[in-house]
Amino acid sequence: MPACSRLGQTGEFIIEHEGMRVRIDLNGIFGIGSSVGFWPGFAADAVDLDKPFLSQAGYCSFLGIHADPAPGLLPGEFVSRVIAGYVRSGLKGRLKPIEARYRERAS
């Protein structure tokens, strides 16, 4: 996995969650949410368009994450925990197949 940015910086890297590869675009702690939240927002894009993902579009945005600061938590770990929580709670453990129209658009 490429080196991750530090919290507060922008960066792009790939993580894996239970066989699902996810390209992360870490937005940093800037903009409108910087005064109300500690954690940065990030975008998640499917790397493998032929495999189930977080959404049928192959893209998912994570903004406005509210949690207490966790000293020493690296960006890759932070993102992995957020995605694991979303899969567990938001998706009830079931990833979604990416629709053909989104697979075609991305290729």
PDB file of N, CA and C in Angstrom:
ATOM      1  N   MET A   1       0.854  -1.176   0.000  1.00  0.00           N
ATOM      2  CA  MET A   1       0.000   0.000   0.000  1.00  0.00           C
ATOM      3  C   MET A   1       0.892   1.229   0.000  1.00  0.00           C
ATOM      4  N   PRO A   2       0.590   2.222  -0.828  1.00  0.00           N
ATOM      5  CA  PRO A   2       1.371   3.452  -0.822  1.00  0.00           C
ATOM      6  C   PRO A   2       1.289   4.134   0.540  1.00  0.00           C
ATOM      7  N   ALA A   3       2.241   4.981   0.784  1.00  0.00           N
ATOM      8  CA  ALA A   3       2.249   5.719   2.048  1.00  0.00           C
ATOM      9  C   ALA A   3       0.998   6.574   2.166  1.00  0.00           C
ATOM     10  N   CYS A   4       0.446   6.623   3.348  1.00  0.00           N
ATOM     11  CA  CYS A   4      -0.738   7.436   3.621  1.00  0.00           C
ATOM     12  C   CYS A   4      -0.310   8.830   4.017  1.00  0.00           C
ATOM     13  N   SER A   5      -1.184   9.776   3.738  1.00  0.00           N
ATOM     14  CA  SER A   5      -0.938  11.131   4.215  1.00  0.00           C
ATOM     15  C   SER A   5      -1.140  11.164   5.722  1.00  0.00           C
ATOM     16  N   ARG A   6      -0.757  12.261   6.322  1.00  0.00           N
ATOM     17  CA  ARG A   6      -1.018  12.451   7.749  1.00  0.00           C
ATOM     18  C   ARG A   6      -2.379  13.101   7.896  1.00  0.00           C
ATOM     19  N   LEU A   7      -2.997  12.904   9.059  1.00  0.00           N
ATOM     20  CA  LEU A   7      -4.276  13.576   9.286  1.00  0.00           C
ATOM     21  C   LEU A   7      -4.065  15.072   9.168  1.00  0.00           C
ATOM     22  N   GLY A   8      -4.980  15.738   8.497  1.00  0.00           N
ATOM     23  CA  GLY A   8      -4.857  17.170   8.266  1.00  0.00           C
ATOM     24  C   GLY A   8      -4.284  17.489   6.902  1.00  0.00           C
ATOM     25  N   GLN A   9      -3.793  16.459   6.192  1.00  0.00           N
ATOM     26  CA  GLN A   9      -3.250  16.652   4.856  1.00  0.00           C
ATOM     27  C   GLN A   9      -4.155  15.958   3.852  1.00  0.00           C
ATOM     28  N   THR A  10      -4.024  16.354   2.598  1.00  0.00           N
ATOM     29  CA  THR A  10      -4.730  15.641   1.548  1.00  0.00           C
ATOM     30  C   THR A  10      -3.853  14.495   1.077  1.00  0.00           C
ATOM     31  N   GLY A  11      -4.455  13.507   0.450  1.00  0.00           N
ATOM     32  CA  GLY A  11      -3.680  12.391  -0.061  1.00  0.00           C
ATOM     33  C   GLY A  11      -4.572  11.337  -0.679  1.00  0.00           C
ATOM     34  N   GLU A  12      -3.952  10.453  -1.434  1.00  0.00           N
ATOM     35  CA  GLU A  12      -4.667   9.359  -2.075  1.00  0.00           C
ATOM     36  C   GLU A  12      -3.908   8.076  -1.810  1.00  0.00           C
ATOM     37  N   PHE A  13      -4.644   7.018  -1.455  1.00  0.00           N
ATOM     38  CA  PHE A  13      -4.030   5.723  -1.193  1.00  0.00           C
ATOM     39  C   PHE A  13      -5.093   4.642  -1.327  1.00  0.00           C
ATOM     40  N   ILE A  14      -4.668   3.397  -1.330  1.00  0.00           N
ATOM     41  CA  ILE A  14      -5.590   2.264  -1.469  1.00  0.00           C
ATOM     42  C   ILE A  14      -5.563   1.444  -0.189  1.00  0.00           C
ATOM     43  N   ILE A  15      -6.767   1.079   0.269  1.00  0.00           N
ATOM     44  CA  ILE A  15      -6.880   0.165   1.402  1.00  0.00           C
ATOM     45  C   ILE A  15      -7.636  -1.071   0.927  1.00  0.00           C
ATOM     46  N   GLU A  16      -7.591  -2.117   1.730  1.00  0.00           N
ATOM     47  CA  GLU A  16      -8.355  -3.321   1.440  1.00  0.00           C
ATOM     48  C   GLU A  16      -9.208  -3.656   2.654  1.00  0.00           C
ATOM     49  N   HIS A  17     -10.465  -3.942   2.405  1.00  0.00           N
ATOM     50  CA  HIS A  17     -11.379  -4.355   3.475  1.00  0.00           C
ATOM     51  C   HIS A  17     -12.039  -5.655   3.051  1.00  0.00           C
ATOM     52  N   GLU A  18     -11.659  -6.747   3.692  1.00  0.00           N
ATOM     53  CA  GLU A  18     -12.240  -8.061   3.414  1.00  0.00           C
ATOM     54  C   GLU A  18     -12.278  -8.362   1.920  1.00  0.00           C
ATOM     55  N   GLY A  19     -11.166  -8.146   1.237  1.00  0.00           N
ATOM     56  CA  GLY A  19     -11.043  -8.444  -0.178  1.00  0.00           C
ATOM     57  C   GLY A  19     -11.497  -7.335  -1.116  1.00  0.00           C
ATOM     58  N   MET A  20     -12.123  -6.303  -0.596  1.00  0.00           N
ATOM     59  CA  MET A  20     -12.575  -5.171  -1.412  1.00  0.00           C
ATOM     60  C   MET A  20     -11.488  -4.098  -1.394  1.00  0.00           C
ATOM     61  N   ARG A  21     -10.956  -3.779  -2.574  1.00  0.00           N
ATOM     62  CA  ARG A  21      -9.948  -2.718  -2.648  1.00  0.00           C
ATOM     63  C   ARG A  21     -10.642  -1.382  -2.888  1.00  0.00           C
ATOM     64  N   VAL A  22     -10.206  -0.380  -2.108  1.00  0.00           N
ATOM     65  CA  VAL A  22     -10.847   0.929  -2.122  1.00  0.00           C
ATOM     66  C   VAL A  22      -9.793   2.012  -2.291  1.00  0.00           C
ATOM     67  N   ARG A  23      -9.959   2.852  -3.316  1.00  0.00           N
ATOM     68  CA  ARG A  23      -9.079   4.007  -3.501  1.00  0.00           C
ATOM     69  C   ARG A  23      -9.638   5.145  -2.659  1.00  0.00           C
ATOM     70  N   ILE A  24      -8.822   5.655  -1.773  1.00  0.00           N
ATOM     71  CA  ILE A  24      -9.237   6.706  -0.847  1.00  0.00           C
ATOM     72  C   ILE A  24      -8.655   8.039  -1.290  1.00  0.00           C
ATOM     73  N   ASP A  25      -9.497   9.047  -1.349  1.00  0.00           N
ATOM     74  CA  ASP A  25      -9.065  10.422  -1.593  1.00  0.00           C
ATOM     75  C   ASP A  25      -9.365  11.181  -0.308  1.00  0.00           C
ATOM     76  N   LEU A  26      -8.331  11.371   0.497  1.00  0.00           N
ATOM     77  CA  LEU A  26      -8.471  12.029   1.796  1.00  0.00           C
ATOM     78  C   LEU A  26      -8.460  13.531   1.573  1.00  0.00           C
ATOM     79  N   ASN A  27      -9.540  14.184   1.959  1.00  0.00           N
ATOM     80  CA  ASN A  27      -9.717  15.606   1.684  1.00  0.00           C
ATOM     81  C   ASN A  27      -8.993  16.525   2.650  1.00  0.00           C
ATOM     82  N   GLY A  28      -8.500  16.012   3.739  1.00  0.00           N
ATOM     83  CA  GLY A  28      -7.843  16.853   4.729  1.00  0.00           C
ATOM     84  C   GLY A  28      -8.864  17.520   5.638  1.00  0.00           C
ATOM     85  N   ILE A  29      -8.381  18.295   6.577  1.00  0.00           N
ATOM     86  CA  ILE A  29      -9.269  18.970   7.526  1.00  0.00           C
ATOM     87  C   ILE A  29      -9.304  20.449   7.166  1.00  0.00           C
ATOM     88  N   PHE A  30     -10.028  20.740   6.111  1.00  0.00           N
ATOM     89  CA  PHE A  30     -10.114  22.100   5.611  1.00  0.00           C
ATOM     90  C   PHE A  30     -11.561  22.403   5.259  1.00  0.00           C
ATOM     91  N   GLY A  31     -11.828  23.621   4.933  1.00  0.00           N
ATOM     92  CA  GLY A  31     -13.136  23.989   4.417  1.00  0.00           C
ATOM     93  C   GLY A  31     -14.193  24.145   5.485  1.00  0.00           C
ATOM     94  N   ILE A  32     -15.428  23.993   5.047  1.00  0.00           N
ATOM     95  CA  ILE A  32     -16.571  24.310   5.889  1.00  0.00           C
ATOM     96  C   ILE A  32     -16.640  23.463   7.158  1.00  0.00           C
ATOM     97  N   GLY A  33     -16.196  22.220   7.104  1.00  0.00           N
ATOM     98  CA  GLY A  33     -16.300  21.352   8.271  1.00  0.00           C
ATOM     99  C   GLY A  33     -15.147  21.443   9.238  1.00  0.00           C
ATOM    100  N   SER A  34     -14.128  22.207   8.913  1.00  0.00           N
ATOM    101  CA  SER A  34     -12.923  22.229   9.748  1.00  0.00           C
ATOM    102  C   SER A  34     -13.157  22.807  11.139  1.00  0.00           C
ATOM    103  N   SER A  35     -14.179  23.622  11.295  1.00  0.00           N
ATOM    104  CA  SER A  35     -14.417  24.222  12.610  1.00  0.00           C
ATOM    105  C   SER A  35     -15.331  23.381  13.490  1.00  0.00           C
ATOM    106  N   VAL A  36     -15.966  22.362  12.930  1.00  0.00           N
ATOM    107  CA  VAL A  36     -16.909  21.570  13.715  1.00  0.00           C
ATOM    108  C   VAL A  36     -16.499  20.121  13.911  1.00  0.00           C
ATOM    109  N   GLY A  37     -15.524  19.644  13.175  1.00  0.00           N
ATOM    110  CA  GLY A  37     -15.152  18.242  13.290  1.00  0.00           C
ATOM    111  C   GLY A  37     -13.653  18.040  13.305  1.00  0.00           C
ATOM    112  N   PHE A  38     -13.244  17.019  14.005  1.00  0.00           N
ATOM    113  CA  PHE A  38     -11.829  16.685  14.093  1.00  0.00           C
ATOM    114  C   PHE A  38     -11.379  15.845  12.899  1.00  0.00           C
ATOM    115  N   TRP A  39     -12.235  14.931  12.451  1.00  0.00           N
ATOM    116  CA  TRP A  39     -11.852  13.957  11.434  1.00  0.00           C
ATOM    117  C   TRP A  39     -12.075  14.490  10.023  1.00  0.00           C
ATOM    118  N   PRO A  40     -11.180  14.160   9.104  1.00  0.00           N
ATOM    119  CA  PRO A  40     -11.329  14.621   7.720  1.00  0.00           C
ATOM    120  C   PRO A  40     -12.386  13.821   6.969  1.00  0.00           C
ATOM    121  N   GLY A  41     -12.955  14.450   5.959  1.00  0.00           N
ATOM    122  CA  GLY A  41     -13.832  13.722   5.061  1.00  0.00           C
ATOM    123  C   GLY A  41     -12.986  13.012   4.019  1.00  0.00           C
ATOM    124  N   PHE A  42     -13.569  12.010   3.386  1.00  0.00           N
ATOM    125  CA  PHE A  42     -12.850  11.317   2.320  1.00  0.00           C
ATOM    126  C   PHE A  42     -13.823  10.703   1.333  1.00  0.00           C
ATOM    127  N   ALA A  43     -13.320  10.473   0.128  1.00  0.00           N
ATOM    128  CA  ALA A  43     -14.076   9.806  -0.921  1.00  0.00           C
ATOM    129  C   ALA A  43     -13.505   8.409  -1.094  1.00  0.00           C
ATOM    130  N   ALA A  44     -14.384   7.460  -1.396  1.00  0.00           N
ATOM    131  CA  ALA A  44     -13.981   6.073  -1.598  1.00  0.00           C
ATOM    132  C   ALA A  44     -14.456   5.622  -2.974  1.00  0.00           C
ATOM    133  N   ASP A  45     -13.521   5.177  -3.811  1.00  0.00           N
ATOM    134  CA  ASP A  45     -13.831   4.681  -5.151  1.00  0.00           C
ATOM    135  C   ASP A  45     -13.436   3.216  -5.255  1.00  0.00           C
ATOM    136  N   ALA A  46     -14.245   2.449  -5.961  1.00  0.00           N
ATOM    137  CA  ALA A  46     -13.928   1.041  -6.183  1.00  0.00           C
ATOM    138  C   ALA A  46     -12.696   0.923  -7.071  1.00  0.00           C
ATOM    139  N   VAL A  47     -11.816   0.015  -6.730  1.00  0.00           N
ATOM    140  CA  VAL A  47     -10.661  -0.289  -7.574  1.00  0.00           C
ATOM    141  C   VAL A  47     -11.047  -1.393  -8.554  1.00  0.00           C
ATOM    142  N   ASP A  48     -11.744  -2.396  -8.066  1.00  0.00           N
ATOM    143  CA  ASP A  48     -12.161  -3.541  -8.882  1.00  0.00           C
ATOM    144  C   ASP A  48     -13.649  -3.407  -9.186  1.00  0.00           C
ATOM    145  N   LEU A  49     -13.958  -2.907 -10.376  1.00  0.00           N
ATOM    146  CA  LEU A  49     -15.342  -2.594 -10.731  1.00  0.00           C
ATOM    147  C   LEU A  49     -16.222  -3.823 -10.903  1.00  0.00           C
ATOM    148  N   ASP A  50     -15.606  -4.995 -11.034  1.00  0.00           N
ATOM    149  CA  ASP A  50     -16.373  -6.224 -11.215  1.00  0.00           C
ATOM    150  C   ASP A  50     -16.691  -6.916  -9.888  1.00  0.00           C
ATOM    151  N   LYS A  51     -16.324  -6.298  -8.778  1.00  0.00           N
ATOM    152  CA  LYS A  51     -16.561  -6.893  -7.460  1.00  0.00           C
ATOM    153  C   LYS A  51     -17.522  -6.021  -6.658  1.00  0.00           C
ATOM    154  N   PRO A  52     -18.237  -6.615  -5.695  1.00  0.00           N
ATOM    155  CA  PRO A  52     -19.148  -5.831  -4.850  1.00  0.00           C
ATOM    156  C   PRO A  52     -18.412  -4.708  -4.121  1.00  0.00           C
ATOM    157  N   PHE A  53     -19.169  -3.629  -3.851  1.00  0.00           N
ATOM    158  CA  PHE A  53     -18.574  -2.429  -3.264  1.00  0.00           C
ATOM    159  C   PHE A  53     -19.536  -1.803  -2.253  1.00  0.00           C
ATOM    160  N   LEU A  54     -19.179  -0.640  -1.774  1.00  0.00           N
ATOM    161  CA  LEU A  54     -19.971   0.098  -0.790  1.00  0.00           C
ATOM    162  C   LEU A  54     -21.255   0.665  -1.382  1.00  0.00           C
ATOM    163  N   SER A  55     -21.281   0.844  -2.697  1.00  0.00           N
ATOM    164  CA  SER A  55     -22.467   1.389  -3.368  1.00  0.00           C
ATOM    165  C   SER A  55     -22.553   0.825  -4.776  1.00  0.00           C
ATOM    166  N   GLN A  56     -23.721   0.931  -5.367  1.00  0.00           N
ATOM    167  CA  GLN A  56     -23.920   0.452  -6.730  1.00  0.00           C
ATOM    168  C   GLN A  56     -23.244   1.345  -7.755  1.00  0.00           C
ATOM    169  N   ALA A  57     -22.852   2.548  -7.353  1.00  0.00           N
ATOM    170  CA  ALA A  57     -22.184   3.482  -8.261  1.00  0.00           C
ATOM    171  C   ALA A  57     -20.665   3.332  -8.237  1.00  0.00           C
ATOM    172  N   GLY A  58     -20.127   2.553  -7.304  1.00  0.00           N
ATOM    173  CA  GLY A  58     -18.677   2.402  -7.208  1.00  0.00           C
ATOM    174  C   GLY A  58     -18.000   3.580  -6.535  1.00  0.00           C
ATOM    175  N   TYR A  59     -18.787   4.416  -5.874  1.00  0.00           N
ATOM    176  CA  TYR A  59     -18.276   5.611  -5.197  1.00  0.00           C
ATOM    177  C   TYR A  59     -19.066   5.822  -3.914  1.00  0.00           C
ATOM    178  N   CYS A  60     -18.389   6.300  -2.894  1.00  0.00           N
ATOM    179  CA  CYS A  60     -19.061   6.625  -1.638  1.00  0.00           C
ATOM    180  C   CYS A  60     -18.311   7.780  -0.983  1.00  0.00           C
ATOM    181  N   SER A  61     -19.046   8.750  -0.479  1.00  0.00           N
ATOM    182  CA  SER A  61     -18.454   9.910   0.170  1.00  0.00           C
ATOM    183  C   SER A  61     -18.693   9.833   1.671  1.00  0.00           C
ATOM    184  N   PHE A  62     -17.659  10.119   2.437  1.00  0.00           N
ATOM    185  CA  PHE A  62     -17.748  10.109   3.894  1.00  0.00           C
ATOM    186  C   PHE A  62     -17.381  11.501   4.403  1.00  0.00           C
ATOM    187  N   LEU A  63     -18.388  12.275   4.749  1.00  0.00           N
ATOM    188  CA  LEU A  63     -18.194  13.634   5.252  1.00  0.00           C
ATOM    189  C   LEU A  63     -18.887  13.775   6.601  1.00  0.00           C
ATOM    190  N   GLY A  64     -18.413  14.678   7.414  1.00  0.00           N
ATOM    191  CA  GLY A  64     -19.066  14.935   8.691  1.00  0.00           C
ATOM    192  C   GLY A  64     -18.965  13.796   9.674  1.00  0.00           C
ATOM    193  N   ILE A  65     -17.819  13.165   9.739  1.00  0.00           N
ATOM    194  CA  ILE A  65     -17.618  12.038  10.650  1.00  0.00           C
ATOM    195  C   ILE A  65     -17.432  12.581  12.063  1.00  0.00           C
ATOM    196  N   HIS A  66     -18.302  12.163  12.952  1.00  0.00           N
ATOM    197  CA  HIS A  66     -18.250  12.647  14.333  1.00  0.00           C
ATOM    198  C   HIS A  66     -17.795  11.526  15.255  1.00  0.00           C
ATOM    199  N   ALA A  67     -16.629  11.690  15.828  1.00  0.00           N
ATOM    200  CA  ALA A  67     -16.081  10.743  16.801  1.00  0.00           C
ATOM    201  C   ALA A  67     -15.022  11.482  17.600  1.00  0.00           C
ATOM    202  N   ASP A  68     -14.774  11.006  18.787  1.00  0.00           N
ATOM    203  CA  ASP A  68     -13.740  11.623  19.616  1.00  0.00           C
ATOM    204  C   ASP A  68     -12.370  11.438  18.975  1.00  0.00           C
ATOM    205  N   PRO A  69     -11.460  12.380  19.168  1.00  0.00           N
ATOM    206  CA  PRO A  69     -10.090  12.213  18.676  1.00  0.00           C
ATOM    207  C   PRO A  69      -9.458  10.953  19.273  1.00  0.00           C
ATOM    208  N   ALA A  70      -8.621  10.309  18.488  1.00  0.00           N
ATOM    209  CA  ALA A  70      -7.923   9.101  18.928  1.00  0.00           C
ATOM    210  C   ALA A  70      -6.436   9.303  18.671  1.00  0.00           C
ATOM    211  N   PRO A  71      -5.675   9.707  19.681  1.00  0.00           N
ATOM    212  CA  PRO A  71      -4.245   9.962  19.504  1.00  0.00           C
ATOM    213  C   PRO A  71      -3.526   8.755  18.888  1.00  0.00           C
ATOM    214  N   GLY A  72      -2.679   9.038  17.907  1.00  0.00           N
ATOM    215  CA  GLY A  72      -1.876   7.996  17.278  1.00  0.00           C
ATOM    216  C   GLY A  72      -2.566   7.228  16.169  1.00  0.00           C
ATOM    217  N   LEU A  73      -3.830   7.492  15.917  1.00  0.00           N
ATOM    218  CA  LEU A  73      -4.550   6.793  14.856  1.00  0.00           C
ATOM    219  C   LEU A  73      -4.109   7.355  13.507  1.00  0.00           C
ATOM    220  N   LEU A  74      -3.555   6.498  12.666  1.00  0.00           N
ATOM    221  CA  LEU A  74      -3.071   6.916  11.352  1.00  0.00           C
ATOM    222  C   LEU A  74      -4.218   6.971  10.347  1.00  0.00           C
ATOM    223  N   PRO A  75      -4.065   7.755   9.275  1.00  0.00           N
ATOM    224  CA  PRO A  75      -5.143   7.903   8.297  1.00  0.00           C
ATOM    225  C   PRO A  75      -5.655   6.580   7.728  1.00  0.00           C
ATOM    226  N   GLY A  76      -4.755   5.660   7.405  1.00  0.00           N
ATOM    227  CA  GLY A  76      -5.191   4.370   6.865  1.00  0.00           C
ATOM    228  C   GLY A  76      -6.044   3.595   7.847  1.00  0.00           C
ATOM    229  N   GLU A  77      -5.665   3.618   9.113  1.00  0.00           N
ATOM    230  CA  GLU A  77      -6.445   2.949  10.158  1.00  0.00           C
ATOM    231  C   GLU A  77      -7.797   3.640  10.345  1.00  0.00           C
ATOM    232  N   PHE A  78      -7.780   4.961  10.357  1.00  0.00           N
ATOM    233  CA  PHE A  78      -9.007   5.743  10.502  1.00  0.00           C
ATOM    234  C   PHE A  78      -9.999   5.390   9.400  1.00  0.00           C
ATOM    235  N   VAL A  79      -9.542   5.434   8.156  1.00  0.00           N
ATOM    236  CA  VAL A  79     -10.397   5.143   7.012  1.00  0.00           C
ATOM    237  C   VAL A  79     -10.899   3.701   7.078  1.00  0.00           C
ATOM    238  N   SER A  80     -10.023   2.771   7.419  1.00  0.00           N
ATOM    239  CA  SER A  80     -10.419   1.362   7.518  1.00  0.00           C
ATOM    240  C   SER A  80     -11.513   1.164   8.557  1.00  0.00           C
ATOM    241  N   ARG A  81     -11.396   1.828   9.686  1.00  0.00           N
ATOM    242  CA  ARG A  81     -12.416   1.708  10.741  1.00  0.00           C
ATOM    243  C   ARG A  81     -13.750   2.301  10.306  1.00  0.00           C
ATOM    244  N   VAL A  82     -13.699   3.444   9.636  1.00  0.00           N
ATOM    245  CA  VAL A  82     -14.939   4.072   9.165  1.00  0.00           C
ATOM    246  C   VAL A  82     -15.632   3.166   8.151  1.00  0.00           C
ATOM    247  N   ILE A  83     -14.882   2.626   7.207  1.00  0.00           N
ATOM    248  CA  ILE A  83     -15.466   1.753   6.190  1.00  0.00           C
ATOM    249  C   ILE A  83     -15.997   0.471   6.822  1.00  0.00           C
ATOM    250  N   ALA A  84     -15.254  -0.125   7.734  1.00  0.00           N
ATOM    251  CA  ALA A  84     -15.725  -1.339   8.414  1.00  0.00           C
ATOM    252  C   ALA A  84     -17.030  -1.069   9.157  1.00  0.00           C
ATOM    253  N   GLY A  85     -17.113   0.072   9.826  1.00  0.00           N
ATOM    254  CA  GLY A  85     -18.338   0.434  10.533  1.00  0.00           C
ATOM    255  C   GLY A  85     -19.508   0.645   9.589  1.00  0.00           C
ATOM    256  N   TYR A  86     -19.240   1.259   8.441  1.00  0.00           N
ATOM    257  CA  TYR A  86     -20.293   1.489   7.455  1.00  0.00           C
ATOM    258  C   TYR A  86     -20.803   0.168   6.883  1.00  0.00           C
ATOM    259  N   VAL A  87     -19.882  -0.738   6.564  1.00  0.00           N
ATOM    260  CA  VAL A  87     -20.285  -2.047   6.034  1.00  0.00           C
ATOM    261  C   VAL A  87     -21.117  -2.789   7.080  1.00  0.00           C
ATOM    262  N   ARG A  88     -20.662  -2.769   8.310  1.00  0.00           N
ATOM    263  CA  ARG A  88     -21.348  -3.480   9.396  1.00  0.00           C
ATOM    264  C   ARG A  88     -22.730  -2.874   9.684  1.00  0.00           C
ATOM    265  N   SER A  89     -22.797  -1.559   9.844  1.00  0.00           N
ATOM    266  CA  SER A  89     -24.052  -0.916  10.261  1.00  0.00           C
ATOM    267  C   SER A  89     -24.901  -0.425   9.091  1.00  0.00           C
ATOM    268  N   GLY A  90     -24.290   0.342   8.205  1.00  0.00           N
ATOM    269  CA  GLY A  90     -25.036   0.938   7.098  1.00  0.00           C
ATOM    270  C   GLY A  90     -25.475  -0.057   6.042  1.00  0.00           C
ATOM    271  N   LEU A  91     -24.627  -1.040   5.772  1.00  0.00           N
ATOM    272  CA  LEU A  91     -24.934  -2.027   4.731  1.00  0.00           C
ATOM    273  C   LEU A  91     -25.352  -3.376   5.304  1.00  0.00           C
ATOM    274  N   LYS A  92     -25.416  -3.483   6.623  1.00  0.00           N
ATOM    275  CA  LYS A  92     -25.776  -4.744   7.294  1.00  0.00           C
ATOM    276  C   LYS A  92     -24.892  -5.905   6.841  1.00  0.00           C
ATOM    277  N   GLY A  93     -23.621  -5.582   6.553  1.00  0.00           N
ATOM    278  CA  GLY A  93     -22.659  -6.604   6.160  1.00  0.00           C
ATOM    279  C   GLY A  93     -22.730  -7.033   4.708  1.00  0.00           C
ATOM    280  N   ARG A  94     -23.580  -6.401   3.914  1.00  0.00           N
ATOM    281  CA  ARG A  94     -23.763  -6.819   2.513  1.00  0.00           C
ATOM    282  C   ARG A  94     -23.290  -5.733   1.547  1.00  0.00           C
ATOM    283  N   LEU A  95     -22.219  -6.024   0.840  1.00  0.00           N
ATOM    284  CA  LEU A  95     -21.746  -5.113  -0.200  1.00  0.00           C
ATOM    285  C   LEU A  95     -22.692  -5.182  -1.391  1.00  0.00           C
ATOM    286  N   LYS A  96     -22.610  -4.185  -2.276  1.00  0.00           N
ATOM    287  CA  LYS A  96     -23.525  -4.088  -3.411  1.00  0.00           C
ATOM    288  C   LYS A  96     -22.772  -4.282  -4.730  1.00  0.00           C
ATOM    289  N   PRO A  97     -23.387  -4.971  -5.686  1.00  0.00           N
ATOM    290  CA  PRO A  97     -22.755  -5.063  -7.003  1.00  0.00           C
ATOM    291  C   PRO A  97     -22.777  -3.692  -7.678  1.00  0.00           C
ATOM    292  N   ILE A  98     -21.697  -3.360  -8.362  1.00  0.00           N
ATOM    293  CA  ILE A  98     -21.641  -2.086  -9.090  1.00  0.00           C
ATOM    294  C   ILE A  98     -22.446  -2.243 -10.379  1.00  0.00           C
ATOM    295  N   GLU A  99     -23.364  -1.317 -10.612  1.00  0.00           N
ATOM    296  CA  GLU A  99     -24.217  -1.381 -11.796  1.00  0.00           C
ATOM    297  C   GLU A  99     -23.387  -1.225 -13.070  1.00  0.00           C
ATOM    298  N   ALA A 100     -23.833  -1.897 -14.134  1.00  0.00           N
ATOM    299  CA  ALA A 100     -23.117  -1.905 -15.408  1.00  0.00           C
ATOM    300  C   ALA A 100     -22.868  -0.497 -15.937  1.00  0.00           C
ATOM    301  N   ARG A 101     -23.838   0.390 -15.808  1.00  0.00           N
ATOM    302  CA  ARG A 101     -23.663   1.746 -16.352  1.00  0.00           C
ATOM    303  C   ARG A 101     -22.510   2.483 -15.680  1.00  0.00           C
ATOM    304  N   TYR A 102     -22.253   2.205 -14.414  1.00  0.00           N
ATOM    305  CA  TYR A 102     -21.138   2.845 -13.717  1.00  0.00           C
ATOM    306  C   TYR A 102     -19.815   2.158 -14.048  1.00  0.00           C
ATOM    307  N   ARG A 103     -19.867   0.851 -14.271  1.00  0.00           N
ATOM    308  CA  ARG A 103     -18.643   0.141 -14.677  1.00  0.00           C
ATOM    309  C   ARG A 103     -18.196   0.626 -16.049  1.00  0.00           C
ATOM    310  N   GLU A 104     -19.142   0.801 -16.958  1.00  0.00           N
ATOM    311  CA  GLU A 104     -18.831   1.259 -18.317  1.00  0.00           C
ATOM    312  C   GLU A 104     -18.303   2.687 -18.311  1.00  0.00           C
ATOM    313  N   ARG A 105     -18.892   3.550 -17.511  1.00  0.00           N
ATOM    314  CA  ARG A 105     -18.485   4.952 -17.445  1.00  0.00           C
ATOM    315  C   ARG A 105     -17.067   5.084 -16.904  1.00  0.00           C
ATOM    316  N   ALA A 106     -16.697   4.222 -15.984  1.00  0.00           N
ATOM    317  CA  ALA A 106     -15.384   4.311 -15.345  1.00  0.00           C
ATOM    318  C   ALA A 106     -14.273   3.718 -16.202  1.00  0.00           C
ATOM    319  N   SER A 107     -14.627   2.890 -17.166  1.00  0.00           N
ATOM    320  CA  SER A 107     -13.568   2.241 -17.970  1.00  0.00           C
ATOM    321  C   SER A 107     -13.163   3.047 -19.179  1.00  0.00           C
TER     322      SER A 107
END
